[in-house]
Structure formats: C-alpha cells, structure tokens
Amino acid sequence: MTIVTKLKEFDLAGTKKGKITVSNVTEPYGKDTADILSIGIALNGEDVQWKAHIPYENIDELISALQEAKASKK
C-alpha cells in the first residue's frame, strides 16, 4: 500500500502561494517496491503541477547537481 509522508514544505520563490513539498513515498510502484523521495511543486499551494520521484540511491548525485547549478548562477 502506497503511503506518502510529508517531510518538508516551503514557499516557492517568485509566487504568491506556491509551495515545494518533499515527501517519502512507501511502495510507490506497488508491493515490495523501494521507497522514493518525491518533490512536488504546487503553484497555487494546493494542486501539484510538477512532481519528481527520486530513488534514495540517487539523492547524493541530485544534491551535487543542485549545488553545481546554484554555483553556476552566482
């Protein structure tokens, strides 16, 4: 059974009501599938328009890529 547990929610910069939500999803693709991290974007703060599912094994690479992207914008 899929269970979504919200880990963190914060305001989406540049919007009036937008939110970014980071959640753990248990059994996202059916019984016995590995947990994933879900990143959702809701421009109105409620209805998710974009969602990314990241396997936990890829989080370090994702963090590195995000840090590189941030550094390139300075």
C-alpha atoms as a PDB file:
ATOM      1  CA  MET A   1       0.000   0.000   0.000  1.00  0.00           C
ATOM      2  CA  THR A   2       1.423   3.374  -1.026  1.00  0.00           C
ATOM      3  CA  ILE A   3       1.919   5.783   1.869  1.00  0.00           C
ATOM      4  CA  VAL A   4       3.047   9.398   1.367  1.00  0.00           C
ATOM      5  CA  THR A   5       4.732  11.086   4.345  1.00  0.00           C
ATOM      6  CA  LYS A   6       5.437  14.807   4.035  1.00  0.00           C
ATOM      7  CA  LEU A   7       8.975  15.578   5.226  1.00  0.00           C
ATOM      8  CA  LYS A   8       9.171  19.308   4.482  1.00  0.00           C
ATOM      9  CA  GLU A   9       7.172  22.041   2.785  1.00  0.00           C
ATOM     10  CA  PHE A  10       8.365  25.533   1.933  1.00  0.00           C
ATOM     11  CA  ASP A  11       7.382  28.550  -0.162  1.00  0.00           C
ATOM     12  CA  LEU A  12       8.145  28.558  -3.884  1.00  0.00           C
ATOM     13  CA  ALA A  13      10.106  31.741  -4.632  1.00  0.00           C
ATOM     14  CA  GLY A  14       8.558  34.080  -7.176  1.00  0.00           C
ATOM     15  CA  THR A  15       4.966  33.007  -6.493  1.00  0.00           C
ATOM     16  CA  LYS A  16       2.242  34.303  -4.192  1.00  0.00           C
ATOM     17  CA  LYS A  17       1.012  30.938  -2.902  1.00  0.00           C
ATOM     18  CA  GLY A  18       3.362  28.360  -4.440  1.00  0.00           C
ATOM     19  CA  LYS A  19       4.813  25.518  -2.372  1.00  0.00           C
ATOM     20  CA  ILE A  20       7.551  22.934  -2.739  1.00  0.00           C
ATOM     21  CA  THR A  21       6.836  19.707  -0.882  1.00  0.00           C
ATOM     22  CA  VAL A  22       9.363  16.962  -0.163  1.00  0.00           C
ATOM     23  CA  SER A  23       7.857  13.607   0.803  1.00  0.00           C
ATOM     24  CA  ASN A  24       8.766   9.963   1.308  1.00  0.00           C
ATOM     25  CA  VAL A  25       6.659   7.535  -0.704  1.00  0.00           C
ATOM     26  CA  THR A  26       6.457   3.955   0.557  1.00  0.00           C
ATOM     27  CA  GLU A  27       5.815   1.259  -2.067  1.00  0.00           C
ATOM     28  CA  PRO A  28       5.376   3.862  -4.828  1.00  0.00           C
ATOM     29  CA  TYR A  29       5.082   1.352  -7.669  1.00  0.00           C
ATOM     30  CA  GLY A  30       3.311  -1.481  -5.870  1.00  0.00           C
ATOM     31  CA  LYS A  31       4.007  -4.071  -3.205  1.00  0.00           C
ATOM     32  CA  ASP A  32       7.652  -4.527  -2.216  1.00  0.00           C
ATOM     33  CA  THR A  33       8.959  -1.623  -4.332  1.00  0.00           C
ATOM     34  CA  ALA A  34      11.636   0.580  -2.733  1.00  0.00           C
ATOM     35  CA  ASP A  35      10.754   3.897  -1.103  1.00  0.00           C
ATOM     36  CA  ILE A  36      11.450   7.037  -3.126  1.00  0.00           C
ATOM     37  CA  LEU A  37      11.717  10.736  -2.420  1.00  0.00           C
ATOM     38  CA  SER A  38       9.008  12.827  -4.074  1.00  0.00           C
ATOM     39  CA  ILE A  39       9.445  16.528  -4.833  1.00  0.00           C
ATOM     40  CA  GLY A  40       6.202  18.273  -5.713  1.00  0.00           C
ATOM     41  CA  ILE A  41       5.556  21.818  -6.947  1.00  0.00           C
ATOM     42  CA  ALA A  42       2.151  23.442  -6.418  1.00  0.00           C
ATOM     43  CA  LEU A  43       1.896  26.917  -7.950  1.00  0.00           C
ATOM     44  CA  ASN A  44      -1.314  27.653  -6.025  1.00  0.00           C
ATOM     45  CA  GLY A  45      -0.107  25.920  -2.865  1.00  0.00           C
ATOM     46  CA  GLU A  46      -2.559  23.035  -3.236  1.00  0.00           C
ATOM     47  CA  ASP A  47      -2.668  21.296  -6.625  1.00  0.00           C
ATOM     48  CA  VAL A  48       0.650  19.707  -7.624  1.00  0.00           C
ATOM     49  CA  GLN A  49       1.553  20.627 -11.218  1.00  0.00           C
ATOM     50  CA  TRP A  50       5.023  19.008 -11.281  1.00  0.00           C
ATOM     51  CA  LYS A  51       6.399  16.033  -9.427  1.00  0.00           C
ATOM     52  CA  ALA A  52       9.735  14.230  -9.495  1.00  0.00           C
ATOM     53  CA  HIS A  53      10.357  10.813  -7.985  1.00  0.00           C
ATOM     54  CA  ILE A  54      13.959  10.276  -6.927  1.00  0.00           C
ATOM     55  CA  PRO A  55      15.299   6.900  -5.748  1.00  0.00           C
ATOM     56  CA  TYR A  56      17.118   7.318  -2.446  1.00  0.00           C
ATOM     57  CA  GLU A  57      20.232   5.854  -4.106  1.00  0.00           C
ATOM     58  CA  ASN A  58      20.372   8.962  -6.354  1.00  0.00           C
ATOM     59  CA  ILE A  59      19.967  11.664  -3.691  1.00  0.00           C
ATOM     60  CA  ASP A  60      23.702  12.376  -3.303  1.00  0.00           C
ATOM     61  CA  GLU A  61      24.067  12.838  -7.077  1.00  0.00           C
ATOM     62  CA  LEU A  62      20.979  15.067  -7.128  1.00  0.00           C
ATOM     63  CA  ILE A  63      22.344  17.223  -4.299  1.00  0.00           C
ATOM     64  CA  SER A  64      25.660  17.550  -6.142  1.00  0.00           C
ATOM     65  CA  ALA A  65      23.893  18.564  -9.369  1.00  0.00           C
ATOM     66  CA  LEU A  66      21.766  21.122  -7.499  1.00  0.00           C
ATOM     67  CA  GLN A  67      24.861  22.590  -5.831  1.00  0.00           C
ATOM     68  CA  GLU A  68      26.593  22.862  -9.237  1.00  0.00           C
ATOM     69  CA  ALA A  69      23.516  24.569 -10.704  1.00  0.00           C
ATOM     70  CA  LYS A  70      23.392  27.026  -7.796  1.00  0.00           C
ATOM     71  CA  ALA A  71      27.120  27.796  -8.062  1.00  0.00           C
ATOM     72  CA  SER A  72      26.809  28.480 -11.792  1.00  0.00           C
ATOM     73  CA  LYS A  73      24.208  31.200 -11.093  1.00  0.00           C
ATOM     74  CA  LYS A  74      26.415  33.264  -8.748  1.00  0.00           C
END
